[in-house]
């Protein structure tokens, strides 16, 4: 077999990874092996974070709806969601939280409709 020298290919790959880790602290942005490990771990954390963001937003929306219902003083959150389903009102939590925060009169109208 013929000899294959990887000088140019390897240098390009290393430079690309070093560029991707620009801004990381210390050797994690200077040395290829450290940069490669840091890049892979950052990618893993980013993947987990994308999943966690969905949970966090849903938790925030539920808290906002619950707080608005407490101010209204008529229903608890779980009974409100059940009443929405029973009355076939298909507003998701994101929309309900926005109504509760920015348009309280509209949210009160929805609450009065289901209770």
PDB file of N, CA and C in Angstrom:
ATOM      1  N   UNK A   1       0.842  -1.189   0.000  1.00  0.00           N
ATOM      2  CA  UNK A   1       0.000   0.000   0.000  1.00  0.00           C
ATOM      3  C   UNK A   1       0.878   1.240   0.000  1.00  0.00           C
ATOM      4  N   UNK A   2       0.287   2.277  -0.512  1.00  0.00           N
ATOM      5  CA  UNK A   2       1.026   3.527  -0.551  1.00  0.00           C
ATOM      6  C   UNK A   2       0.883   4.266   0.775  1.00  0.00           C
ATOM      7  N   UNK A   3       1.830   5.105   1.024  1.00  0.00           N
ATOM      8  CA  UNK A   3       1.832   5.879   2.267  1.00  0.00           C
ATOM      9  C   UNK A   3       0.913   7.086   2.105  1.00  0.00           C
ATOM     10  N   UNK A   4       0.078   7.325   3.114  1.00  0.00           N
ATOM     11  CA  UNK A   4      -0.825   8.473   3.094  1.00  0.00           C
ATOM     12  C   UNK A   4      -0.400   9.416   4.212  1.00  0.00           C
ATOM     13  N   UNK A   5      -0.078  10.631   3.834  1.00  0.00           N
ATOM     14  CA  UNK A   5       0.304  11.631   4.827  1.00  0.00           C
ATOM     15  C   UNK A   5      -0.927  12.505   5.124  1.00  0.00           C
ATOM     16  N   UNK A   6      -1.216  12.687   6.382  1.00  0.00           N
ATOM     17  CA  UNK A   6      -2.445  13.383   6.757  1.00  0.00           C
ATOM     18  C   UNK A   6      -2.187  14.809   7.234  1.00  0.00           C
ATOM     19  N   UNK A   7      -1.073  15.368   6.899  1.00  0.00           N
ATOM     20  CA  UNK A   7      -0.707  16.674   7.429  1.00  0.00           C
ATOM     21  C   UNK A   7      -1.749  17.748   7.180  1.00  0.00           C
ATOM     22  N   UNK A   8      -2.148  17.914   5.932  1.00  0.00           N
ATOM     23  CA  UNK A   8      -3.088  18.981   5.586  1.00  0.00           C
ATOM     24  C   UNK A   8      -4.475  18.678   6.139  1.00  0.00           C
ATOM     25  N   UNK A   9      -4.919  17.448   5.989  1.00  0.00           N
ATOM     26  CA  UNK A   9      -6.254  17.061   6.435  1.00  0.00           C
ATOM     27  C   UNK A   9      -6.374  17.194   7.948  1.00  0.00           C
ATOM     28  N   UNK A  10      -5.362  16.688   8.642  1.00  0.00           N
ATOM     29  CA  UNK A  10      -5.388  16.746  10.099  1.00  0.00           C
ATOM     30  C   UNK A  10      -5.342  18.198  10.570  1.00  0.00           C
ATOM     31  N   UNK A  11      -4.504  18.999   9.955  1.00  0.00           N
ATOM     32  CA  UNK A  11      -4.400  20.397  10.366  1.00  0.00           C
ATOM     33  C   UNK A  11      -5.725  21.122  10.174  1.00  0.00           C
ATOM     34  N   UNK A  12      -6.395  20.866   9.060  1.00  0.00           N
ATOM     35  CA  UNK A  12      -7.702  21.495   8.809  1.00  0.00           C
ATOM     36  C   UNK A  12      -8.726  21.085   9.875  1.00  0.00           C
ATOM     37  N   UNK A  13      -8.746  19.790  10.177  1.00  0.00           N
ATOM     38  CA  UNK A  13      -9.692  19.280  11.165  1.00  0.00           C
ATOM     39  C   UNK A  13      -9.409  19.875  12.548  1.00  0.00           C
ATOM     40  N   UNK A  14      -8.136  19.945  12.908  1.00  0.00           N
ATOM     41  CA  UNK A  14      -7.768  20.503  14.203  1.00  0.00           C
ATOM     42  C   UNK A  14      -8.102  21.993  14.272  1.00  0.00           C
ATOM     43  N   UNK A  15      -7.794  22.720  13.205  1.00  0.00           N
ATOM     44  CA  UNK A  15      -8.081  24.161  13.199  1.00  0.00           C
ATOM     45  C   UNK A  15      -9.583  24.421  13.294  1.00  0.00           C
ATOM     46  N   UNK A  16     -10.373  23.566  12.640  1.00  0.00           N
ATOM     47  CA  UNK A  16     -11.822  23.709  12.681  1.00  0.00           C
ATOM     48  C   UNK A  16     -12.339  23.513  14.106  1.00  0.00           C
ATOM     49  N   UNK A  17     -11.819  22.490  14.795  1.00  0.00           N
ATOM     50  CA  UNK A  17     -12.266  22.230  16.163  1.00  0.00           C
ATOM     51  C   UNK A  17     -11.813  23.334  17.105  1.00  0.00           C
ATOM     52  N   UNK A  18     -10.602  23.846  16.913  1.00  0.00           N
ATOM     53  CA  UNK A  18     -10.103  24.951  17.740  1.00  0.00           C
ATOM     54  C   UNK A  18     -10.977  26.192  17.517  1.00  0.00           C
ATOM     55  N   UNK A  19     -11.395  26.420  16.283  1.00  0.00           N
ATOM     56  CA  UNK A  19     -12.269  27.561  15.993  1.00  0.00           C
ATOM     57  C   UNK A  19     -13.637  27.379  16.642  1.00  0.00           C
ATOM     58  N   UNK A  20     -14.133  26.154  16.701  1.00  0.00           N
ATOM     59  CA  UNK A  20     -15.432  25.889  17.309  1.00  0.00           C
ATOM     60  C   UNK A  20     -15.412  26.084  18.821  1.00  0.00           C
ATOM     61  N   UNK A  21     -14.236  25.968  19.430  1.00  0.00           N
ATOM     62  CA  UNK A  21     -14.137  26.135  20.880  1.00  0.00           C
ATOM     63  C   UNK A  21     -13.580  27.505  21.248  1.00  0.00           C
ATOM     64  N   UNK A  22     -13.649  28.447  20.341  1.00  0.00           N
ATOM     65  CA  UNK A  22     -13.196  29.798  20.634  1.00  0.00           C
ATOM     66  C   UNK A  22     -14.041  30.369  21.773  1.00  0.00           C
ATOM     67  N   UNK A  23     -13.391  30.946  22.750  1.00  0.00           N
ATOM     68  CA  UNK A  23     -14.100  31.504  23.886  1.00  0.00           C
ATOM     69  C   UNK A  23     -14.114  30.582  25.093  1.00  0.00           C
ATOM     70  N   UNK A  24     -13.734  29.318  24.922  1.00  0.00           N
ATOM     71  CA  UNK A  24     -13.629  28.430  26.059  1.00  0.00           C
ATOM     72  C   UNK A  24     -12.391  28.827  26.859  1.00  0.00           C
ATOM     73  N   UNK A  25     -12.353  28.483  28.146  1.00  0.00           N
ATOM     74  CA  UNK A  25     -11.271  28.931  29.014  1.00  0.00           C
ATOM     75  C   UNK A  25     -10.059  28.012  28.939  1.00  0.00           C
ATOM     76  N   UNK A  26      -8.891  28.616  29.014  1.00  0.00           N
ATOM     77  CA  UNK A  26      -7.637  27.884  29.153  1.00  0.00           C
ATOM     78  C   UNK A  26      -7.301  27.012  27.958  1.00  0.00           C
ATOM     79  N   UNK A  27      -6.776  25.830  28.252  1.00  0.00           N
ATOM     80  CA  UNK A  27      -6.335  24.925  27.191  1.00  0.00           C
ATOM     81  C   UNK A  27      -7.498  24.345  26.409  1.00  0.00           C
ATOM     82  N   UNK A  28      -8.717  24.505  26.929  1.00  0.00           N
ATOM     83  CA  UNK A  28      -9.894  23.969  26.229  1.00  0.00           C
ATOM     84  C   UNK A  28     -10.150  24.699  24.917  1.00  0.00           C
ATOM     85  N   UNK A  29      -9.482  25.815  24.696  1.00  0.00           N
ATOM     86  CA  UNK A  29      -9.616  26.511  23.413  1.00  0.00           C
ATOM     87  C   UNK A  29      -8.306  26.544  22.646  1.00  0.00           C
ATOM     88  N   UNK A  30      -7.243  25.929  23.195  1.00  0.00           N
ATOM     89  CA  UNK A  30      -5.927  26.006  22.557  1.00  0.00           C
ATOM     90  C   UNK A  30      -5.405  24.660  22.059  1.00  0.00           C
ATOM     91  N   UNK A  31      -5.589  23.629  22.859  1.00  0.00           N
ATOM     92  CA  UNK A  31      -5.037  22.306  22.563  1.00  0.00           C
ATOM     93  C   UNK A  31      -6.131  21.438  21.954  1.00  0.00           C
ATOM     94  N   UNK A  32      -5.812  20.739  20.872  1.00  0.00           N
ATOM     95  CA  UNK A  32      -6.846  19.993  20.149  1.00  0.00           C
ATOM     96  C   UNK A  32      -7.543  18.957  21.021  1.00  0.00           C
ATOM     97  N   UNK A  33      -6.778  18.141  21.745  1.00  0.00           N
ATOM     98  CA  UNK A  33      -7.413  17.066  22.508  1.00  0.00           C
ATOM     99  C   UNK A  33      -8.353  17.637  23.568  1.00  0.00           C
ATOM    100  N   UNK A  34      -7.887  18.664  24.269  1.00  0.00           N
ATOM    101  CA  UNK A  34      -8.731  19.303  25.278  1.00  0.00           C
ATOM    102  C   UNK A  34      -9.938  19.979  24.620  1.00  0.00           C
ATOM    103  N   UNK A  35      -9.700  20.633  23.491  1.00  0.00           N
ATOM    104  CA  UNK A  35     -10.788  21.317  22.780  1.00  0.00           C
ATOM    105  C   UNK A  35     -11.820  20.311  22.282  1.00  0.00           C
ATOM    106  N   UNK A  36     -11.365  19.177  21.823  1.00  0.00           N
ATOM    107  CA  UNK A  36     -12.263  18.156  21.308  1.00  0.00           C
ATOM    108  C   UNK A  36     -13.157  17.613  22.427  1.00  0.00           C
ATOM    109  N   UNK A  37     -12.561  17.346  23.577  1.00  0.00           N
ATOM    110  CA  UNK A  37     -13.338  16.864  24.727  1.00  0.00           C
ATOM    111  C   UNK A  37     -14.344  17.919  25.154  1.00  0.00           C
ATOM    112  N   UNK A  38     -13.893  19.172  25.239  1.00  0.00           N
ATOM    113  CA  UNK A  38     -14.771  20.264  25.659  1.00  0.00           C
ATOM    114  C   UNK A  38     -15.913  20.453  24.671  1.00  0.00           C
ATOM    115  N   UNK A  39     -15.621  20.325  23.383  1.00  0.00           N
ATOM    116  CA  UNK A  39     -16.631  20.508  22.343  1.00  0.00           C
ATOM    117  C   UNK A  39     -17.697  19.407  22.434  1.00  0.00           C
ATOM    118  N   UNK A  40     -17.253  18.169  22.643  1.00  0.00           N
ATOM    119  CA  UNK A  40     -18.209  17.063  22.751  1.00  0.00           C
ATOM    120  C   UNK A  40     -19.088  17.220  23.991  1.00  0.00           C
ATOM    121  N   UNK A  41     -18.480  17.616  25.108  1.00  0.00           N
ATOM    122  CA  UNK A  41     -19.250  17.784  26.338  1.00  0.00           C
ATOM    123  C   UNK A  41     -20.214  18.953  26.208  1.00  0.00           C
ATOM    124  N   UNK A  42     -19.790  20.031  25.545  1.00  0.00           N
ATOM    125  CA  UNK A  42     -20.682  21.175  25.327  1.00  0.00           C
ATOM    126  C   UNK A  42     -21.866  20.772  24.465  1.00  0.00           C
ATOM    127  N   UNK A  43     -21.606  19.938  23.468  1.00  0.00           N
ATOM    128  CA  UNK A  43     -22.693  19.458  22.627  1.00  0.00           C
ATOM    129  C   UNK A  43     -23.681  18.614  23.396  1.00  0.00           C
ATOM    130  N   UNK A  44     -23.181  17.806  24.314  1.00  0.00           N
ATOM    131  CA  UNK A  44     -24.048  16.979  25.141  1.00  0.00           C
ATOM    132  C   UNK A  44     -24.912  17.858  26.041  1.00  0.00           C
ATOM    133  N   UNK A  45     -24.304  18.860  26.663  1.00  0.00           N
ATOM    134  CA  UNK A  45     -25.054  19.767  27.529  1.00  0.00           C
ATOM    135  C   UNK A  45     -26.091  20.553  26.727  1.00  0.00           C
ATOM    136  N   UNK A  46     -25.733  20.939  25.522  1.00  0.00           N
ATOM    137  CA  UNK A  46     -26.682  21.673  24.680  1.00  0.00           C
ATOM    138  C   UNK A  46     -27.876  20.794  24.327  1.00  0.00           C
ATOM    139  N   UNK A  47     -27.641  19.526  24.058  1.00  0.00           N
ATOM    140  CA  UNK A  47     -28.721  18.592  23.733  1.00  0.00           C
ATOM    141  C   UNK A  47     -29.665  18.459  24.918  1.00  0.00           C
ATOM    142  N   UNK A  48     -29.091  18.264  26.097  1.00  0.00           N
ATOM    143  CA  UNK A  48     -29.901  18.133  27.305  1.00  0.00           C
ATOM    144  C   UNK A  48     -30.666  19.425  27.566  1.00  0.00           C
ATOM    145  N   UNK A  49     -30.001  20.560  27.349  1.00  0.00           N
ATOM    146  CA  UNK A  49     -30.637  21.853  27.582  1.00  0.00           C
ATOM    147  C   UNK A  49     -31.826  22.099  26.682  1.00  0.00           C
ATOM    148  N   UNK A  50     -31.753  21.632  25.451  1.00  0.00           N
ATOM    149  CA  UNK A  50     -32.890  21.795  24.534  1.00  0.00           C
ATOM    150  C   UNK A  50     -34.099  21.017  25.026  1.00  0.00           C
ATOM    151  N   UNK A  51     -33.886  19.877  25.634  1.00  0.00           N
ATOM    152  CA  UNK A  51     -34.989  19.093  26.188  1.00  0.00           C
ATOM    153  C   UNK A  51     -35.517  19.748  27.469  1.00  0.00           C
ATOM    154  N   UNK A  52     -34.595  20.255  28.292  1.00  0.00           N
ATOM    155  CA  UNK A  52     -34.965  20.837  29.578  1.00  0.00           C
ATOM    156  C   UNK A  52     -35.743  22.140  29.397  1.00  0.00           C
ATOM    157  N   UNK A  53     -35.433  22.862  28.323  1.00  0.00           N
ATOM    158  CA  UNK A  53     -36.102  24.140  28.070  1.00  0.00           C
ATOM    159  C   UNK A  53     -37.609  23.950  27.929  1.00  0.00           C
ATOM    160  N   UNK A  54     -38.016  22.879  27.294  1.00  0.00           N
ATOM    161  CA  UNK A  54     -39.439  22.606  27.098  1.00  0.00           C
ATOM    162  C   UNK A  54     -40.123  22.375  28.448  1.00  0.00           C
ATOM    163  N   UNK A  55     -39.451  21.634  29.342  1.00  0.00           N
ATOM    164  CA  UNK A  55     -39.994  21.394  30.671  1.00  0.00           C
ATOM    165  C   UNK A  55     -40.106  22.686  31.466  1.00  0.00           C
ATOM    166  N   UNK A  56     -39.053  23.507  31.370  1.00  0.00           N
ATOM    167  CA  UNK A  56     -39.023  24.748  32.144  1.00  0.00           C
ATOM    168  C   UNK A  56     -40.130  25.700  31.712  1.00  0.00           C
ATOM    169  N   UNK A  57     -40.353  25.807  30.395  1.00  0.00           N
ATOM    170  CA  UNK A  57     -41.408  26.698  29.922  1.00  0.00           C
ATOM    171  C   UNK A  57     -42.787  26.204  30.351  1.00  0.00           C
ATOM    172  N   UNK A  58     -43.010  24.907  30.263  1.00  0.00           N
ATOM    173  CA  UNK A  58     -44.305  24.365  30.687  1.00  0.00           C
ATOM    174  C   UNK A  58     -44.535  24.643  32.170  1.00  0.00           C
ATOM    175  N   UNK A  59     -43.500  24.493  32.976  1.00  0.00           N
ATOM    176  CA  UNK A  59     -43.583  24.771  34.408  1.00  0.00           C
ATOM    177  C   UNK A  59     -43.909  26.246  34.655  1.00  0.00           C
ATOM    178  N   UNK A  60     -43.286  27.131  33.877  1.00  0.00           N
ATOM    179  CA  UNK A  60     -43.549  28.563  34.002  1.00  0.00           C
ATOM    180  C   UNK A  60     -44.992  28.892  33.641  1.00  0.00           C
ATOM    181  N   UNK A  61     -45.483  28.308  32.543  1.00  0.00           N
ATOM    182  CA  UNK A  61     -46.862  28.576  32.114  1.00  0.00           C
ATOM    183  C   UNK A  61     -47.852  28.104  33.175  1.00  0.00           C
ATOM    184  N   UNK A  62     -47.618  26.932  33.746  1.00  0.00           N
ATOM    185  CA  UNK A  62     -48.515  26.398  34.770  1.00  0.00           C
ATOM    186  C   UNK A  62     -48.517  27.321  35.993  1.00  0.00           C
ATOM    187  N   UNK A  63     -47.339  27.811  36.381  1.00  0.00           N
ATOM    188  CA  UNK A  63     -47.250  28.712  37.534  1.00  0.00           C
ATOM    189  C   UNK A  63     -48.020  30.005  37.275  1.00  0.00           C
ATOM    190  N   UNK A  64     -47.921  30.536  36.055  1.00  0.00           N
ATOM    191  CA  UNK A  64     -48.622  31.782  35.722  1.00  0.00           C
ATOM    192  C   UNK A  64     -50.137  31.579  35.717  1.00  0.00           C
ATOM    193  N   UNK A  65     -50.579  30.488  35.145  1.00  0.00           N
ATOM    194  CA  UNK A  65     -52.023  30.203  35.115  1.00  0.00           C
ATOM    195  C   UNK A  65     -52.534  30.016  36.537  1.00  0.00           C
ATOM    196  N   UNK A  66     -51.795  29.275  37.337  1.00  0.00           N
ATOM    197  CA  UNK A  66     -52.199  29.012  38.716  1.00  0.00           C
ATOM    198  C   UNK A  66     -52.275  30.307  39.522  1.00  0.00           C
ATOM    199  N   UNK A  67     -51.298  31.195  39.323  1.00  0.00           N
ATOM    200  CA  UNK A  67     -51.304  32.470  40.044  1.00  0.00           C
ATOM    201  C   UNK A  67     -52.498  33.326  39.631  1.00  0.00           C
ATOM    202  N   UNK A  68     -52.809  33.338  38.337  1.00  0.00           N
ATOM    203  CA  UNK A  68     -53.955  34.116  37.859  1.00  0.00           C
ATOM    204  C   UNK A  68     -55.262  33.545  38.398  1.00  0.00           C
ATOM    205  N   UNK A  69     -55.351  32.232  38.506  1.00  0.00           N
ATOM    206  CA  UNK A  69     -56.550  31.603  39.061  1.00  0.00           C
ATOM    207  C   UNK A  69     -56.696  31.911  40.548  1.00  0.00           C
ATOM    208  N   UNK A  70     -55.563  31.987  41.263  1.00  0.00           N
ATOM    209  CA  UNK A  70     -55.625  32.341  42.683  1.00  0.00           C
ATOM    210  C   UNK A  70     -56.131  33.766  42.855  1.00  0.00           C
ATOM    211  N   UNK A  71     -55.687  34.676  41.962  1.00  0.00           N
ATOM    212  CA  UNK A  71     -56.195  36.049  42.029  1.00  0.00           C
ATOM    213  C   UNK A  71     -57.692  36.087  41.761  1.00  0.00           C
ATOM    214  N   UNK A  72     -58.125  35.258  40.828  1.00  0.00           N
ATOM    215  CA  UNK A  72     -59.545  35.177  40.490  1.00  0.00           C
ATOM    216  C   UNK A  72     -60.326  34.526  41.625  1.00  0.00           C
ATOM    217  N   UNK A  73     -59.717  33.527  42.253  1.00  0.00           N
ATOM    218  CA  UNK A  73     -60.303  32.909  43.429  1.00  0.00           C
ATOM    219  C   UNK A  73     -61.440  31.940  43.173  1.00  0.00           C
ATOM    220  N   UNK A  74     -61.594  31.443  41.949  1.00  0.00           N
ATOM    221  CA  UNK A  74     -62.724  30.562  41.677  1.00  0.00           C
ATOM    222  C   UNK A  74     -62.324  29.094  41.587  1.00  0.00           C
ATOM    223  N   UNK A  75     -61.262  28.791  40.860  1.00  0.00           N
ATOM    224  CA  UNK A  75     -60.878  27.407  40.590  1.00  0.00           C
ATOM    225  C   UNK A  75     -59.421  27.166  40.940  1.00  0.00           C
ATOM    226  N   UNK A  76     -59.108  25.887  41.154  1.00  0.00           N
ATOM    227  CA  UNK A  76     -57.715  25.476  41.228  1.00  0.00           C
ATOM    228  C   UNK A  76     -57.261  25.122  39.807  1.00  0.00           C
ATOM    229  N   UNK A  77     -55.950  25.039  39.635  1.00  0.00           N
ATOM    230  CA  UNK A  77     -55.382  24.802  38.307  1.00  0.00           C
ATOM    231  C   UNK A  77     -55.886  23.493  37.700  1.00  0.00           C
ATOM    232  N   UNK A  78     -55.814  22.417  38.459  1.00  0.00           N
ATOM    233  CA  UNK A  78     -56.169  21.108  37.904  1.00  0.00           C
ATOM    234  C   UNK A  78     -57.643  21.059  37.504  1.00  0.00           C
ATOM    235  N   UNK A  79     -58.503  21.650  38.329  1.00  0.00           N
ATOM    236  CA  UNK A  79     -59.939  21.663  37.998  1.00  0.00           C
ATOM    237  C   UNK A  79     -60.217  22.561  36.796  1.00  0.00           C
ATOM    238  N   UNK A  80     -59.431  23.628  36.673  1.00  0.00           N
ATOM    239  CA  UNK A  80     -59.576  24.534  35.533  1.00  0.00           C
ATOM    240  C   UNK A  80     -59.225  23.821  34.228  1.00  0.00           C
ATOM    241  N   UNK A  81     -58.117  23.090  34.222  1.00  0.00           N
ATOM    242  CA  UNK A  81     -57.693  22.364  33.018  1.00  0.00           C
ATOM    243  C   UNK A  81     -58.724  21.285  32.664  1.00  0.00           C
ATOM    244  N   UNK A  82     -59.241  20.598  33.686  1.00  0.00           N
ATOM    245  CA  UNK A  82     -60.281  19.579  33.448  1.00  0.00           C
ATOM    246  C   UNK A  82     -61.539  20.226  32.874  1.00  0.00           C
ATOM    247  N   UNK A  83     -61.925  21.392  33.408  1.00  0.00           N
ATOM    248  CA  UNK A  83     -63.114  22.089  32.915  1.00  0.00           C
ATOM    249  C   UNK A  83     -62.924  22.549  31.473  1.00  0.00           C
ATOM    250  N   UNK A  84     -61.710  22.973  31.132  1.00  0.00           N
ATOM    251  CA  UNK A  84     -61.426  23.343  29.737  1.00  0.00           C
ATOM    252  C   UNK A  84     -61.630  22.144  28.815  1.00  0.00           C
ATOM    253  N   UNK A  85     -61.135  20.997  29.227  1.00  0.00           N
ATOM    254  CA  UNK A  85     -61.265  19.791  28.408  1.00  0.00           C
ATOM    255  C   UNK A  85     -62.726  19.379  28.289  1.00  0.00           C
ATOM    256  N   UNK A  86     -63.466  19.472  29.385  1.00  0.00           N
ATOM    257  CA  UNK A  86     -64.880  19.082  29.368  1.00  0.00           C
ATOM    258  C   UNK A  86     -65.704  19.990  28.461  1.00  0.00           C
ATOM    259  N   UNK A  87     -65.364  21.279  28.446  1.00  0.00           N
ATOM    260  CA  UNK A  87     -66.089  22.244  27.609  1.00  0.00           C
ATOM    261  C   UNK A  87     -65.538  22.337  26.190  1.00  0.00           C
ATOM    262  N   UNK A  88     -64.563  21.467  25.865  1.00  0.00           N
ATOM    263  CA  UNK A  88     -63.963  21.413  24.531  1.00  0.00           C
ATOM    264  C   UNK A  88     -63.374  22.756  24.105  1.00  0.00           C
ATOM    265  N   UNK A  89     -62.734  23.427  25.046  1.00  0.00           N
ATOM    266  CA  UNK A  89     -61.995  24.660  24.755  1.00  0.00           C
ATOM    267  C   UNK A  89     -60.538  24.257  24.590  1.00  0.00           C
ATOM    268  N   UNK A  90     -60.019  24.413  23.389  1.00  0.00           N
ATOM    269  CA  UNK A  90     -58.674  23.920  23.102  1.00  0.00           C
ATOM    270  C   UNK A  90     -57.666  25.064  23.093  1.00  0.00           C
ATOM    271  N   UNK A  91     -57.426  25.618  24.260  1.00  0.00           N
ATOM    272  CA  UNK A  91     -56.361  26.607  24.430  1.00  0.00           C
ATOM    273  C   UNK A  91     -55.231  25.922  25.180  1.00  0.00           C
ATOM    274  N   UNK A  92     -54.034  26.017  24.633  1.00  0.00           N
ATOM    275  CA  UNK A  92     -52.919  25.367  25.328  1.00  0.00           C
ATOM    276  C   UNK A  92     -52.396  26.252  26.452  1.00  0.00           C
ATOM    277  N   UNK A  93     -51.488  25.696  27.240  1.00  0.00           N
ATOM    278  CA  UNK A  93     -50.992  26.397  28.422  1.00  0.00           C
ATOM    279  C   UNK A  93     -50.215  27.659  28.053  1.00  0.00           C
ATOM    280  N   UNK A  94     -49.537  27.625  26.937  1.00  0.00           N
ATOM    281  CA  UNK A  94     -48.780  28.802  26.502  1.00  0.00           C
ATOM    282  C   UNK A  94     -49.716  29.984  26.259  1.00  0.00           C
ATOM    283  N   UNK A  95     -50.807  29.748  25.561  1.00  0.00           N
ATOM    284  CA  UNK A  95     -51.774  30.805  25.257  1.00  0.00           C
ATOM    285  C   UNK A  95     -52.474  31.260  26.529  1.00  0.00           C
ATOM    286  N   UNK A  96     -52.847  30.315  27.372  1.00  0.00           N
ATOM    287  CA  UNK A  96     -53.517  30.667  28.629  1.00  0.00           C
ATOM    288  C   UNK A  96     -52.614  31.508  29.525  1.00  0.00           C
ATOM    289  N   UNK A  97     -51.328  31.154  29.586  1.00  0.00           N
ATOM    290  CA  UNK A  97     -50.388  31.929  30.404  1.00  0.00           C
ATOM    291  C   UNK A  97     -50.215  33.336  29.846  1.00  0.00           C
ATOM    292  N   UNK A  98     -50.187  33.458  28.518  1.00  0.00           N
ATOM    293  CA  UNK A  98     -50.076  34.782  27.905  1.00  0.00           C
ATOM    294  C   UNK A  98     -51.324  35.612  28.188  1.00  0.00           C
ATOM    295  N   UNK A  99     -52.482  34.990  28.089  1.00  0.00           N
ATOM    296  CA  UNK A  99     -53.721  35.701  28.423  1.00  0.00           C
ATOM    297  C   UNK A  99     -53.720  36.152  29.882  1.00  0.00           C
ATOM    298  N   UNK A 100     -53.289  35.267  30.770  1.00  0.00           N
ATOM    299  CA  UNK A 100     -53.279  35.588  32.199  1.00  0.00           C
ATOM    300  C   UNK A 100     -52.340  36.747  32.496  1.00  0.00           C
ATOM    301  N   UNK A 101     -51.231  36.810  31.789  1.00  0.00           N
ATOM    302  CA  UNK A 101     -50.232  37.835  32.061  1.00  0.00           C
ATOM    303  C   UNK A 101     -50.553  39.154  31.374  1.00  0.00           C
ATOM    304  N   UNK A 102     -50.915  39.103  30.087  1.00  0.00           N
ATOM    305  CA  UNK A 102     -51.052  40.328  29.293  1.00  0.00           C
ATOM    306  C   UNK A 102     -52.489  40.790  29.083  1.00  0.00           C
ATOM    307  N   UNK A 103     -53.455  39.883  29.164  1.00  0.00           N
ATOM    308  CA  UNK A 103     -54.859  40.223  28.920  1.00  0.00           C
ATOM    309  C   UNK A 103     -55.737  39.609  30.011  1.00  0.00           C
ATOM    310  N   UNK A 104     -55.698  40.167  31.221  1.00  0.00           N
ATOM    311  CA  UNK A 104     -56.434  39.542  32.335  1.00  0.00           C
ATOM    312  C   UNK A 104     -57.942  39.482  32.114  1.00  0.00           C
ATOM    313  N   UNK A 105     -58.516  40.460  31.399  1.00  0.00           N
ATOM    314  CA  UNK A 105     -59.963  40.431  31.162  1.00  0.00           C
ATOM    315  C   UNK A 105     -60.332  39.226  30.289  1.00  0.00           C
ATOM    316  N   UNK A 106     -59.555  38.987  29.278  1.00  0.00           N
ATOM    317  CA  UNK A 106     -59.815  37.838  28.410  1.00  0.00           C
ATOM    318  C   UNK A 106     -59.663  36.530  29.183  1.00  0.00           C
ATOM    319  N   UNK A 107     -58.649  36.466  30.057  1.00  0.00           N
ATOM    320  CA  UNK A 107     -58.461  35.264  30.864  1.00  0.00           C
ATOM    321  C   UNK A 107     -59.662  35.073  31.804  1.00  0.00           C
ATOM    322  N   UNK A 108     -60.135  36.158  32.405  1.00  0.00           N
ATOM    323  CA  UNK A 108     -61.312  36.065  33.282  1.00  0.00           C
ATOM    324  C   UNK A 108     -62.527  35.576  32.518  1.00  0.00           C
ATOM    325  N   UNK A 109     -62.654  36.008  31.260  1.00  0.00           N
ATOM    326  CA  UNK A 109     -63.778  35.550  30.437  1.00  0.00           C
ATOM    327  C   UNK A 109     -63.702  34.044  30.201  1.00  0.00           C
ATOM    328  N   UNK A 110     -62.496  33.541  29.971  1.00  0.00           N
ATOM    329  CA  UNK A 110     -62.315  32.083  29.784  1.00  0.00           C
ATOM    330  C   UNK A 110     -62.662  31.352  31.075  1.00  0.00           C
ATOM    331  N   UNK A 111     -62.211  31.869  32.193  1.00  0.00           N
ATOM    332  CA  UNK A 111     -62.493  31.246  33.492  1.00  0.00           C
ATOM    333  C   UNK A 111     -63.996  31.224  33.750  1.00  0.00           C
ATOM    334  N   UNK A 112     -64.671  32.341  33.491  1.00  0.00           N
ATOM    335  CA  UNK A 112     -66.109  32.398  33.708  1.00  0.00           C
ATOM    336  C   UNK A 112     -66.875  31.451  32.791  1.00  0.00           C
ATOM    337  N   UNK A 113     -66.347  31.261  31.589  1.00  0.00           N
ATOM    338  CA  UNK A 113     -67.001  30.363  30.635  1.00  0.00           C
ATOM    339  C   UNK A 113     -66.979  28.918  31.111  1.00  0.00           C
ATOM    340  N   UNK A 114     -65.861  28.511  31.733  1.00  0.00           N
ATOM    341  CA  UNK A 114     -65.746  27.108  32.142  1.00  0.00           C
ATOM    342  C   UNK A 114     -66.305  26.837  33.532  1.00  0.00           C
ATOM    343  N   UNK A 115     -66.434  27.862  34.373  1.00  0.00           N
ATOM    344  CA  UNK A 115     -66.913  27.598  35.732  1.00  0.00           C
ATOM    345  C   UNK A 115     -68.420  27.793  35.852  1.00  0.00           C
TER     346      UNK A 115
END
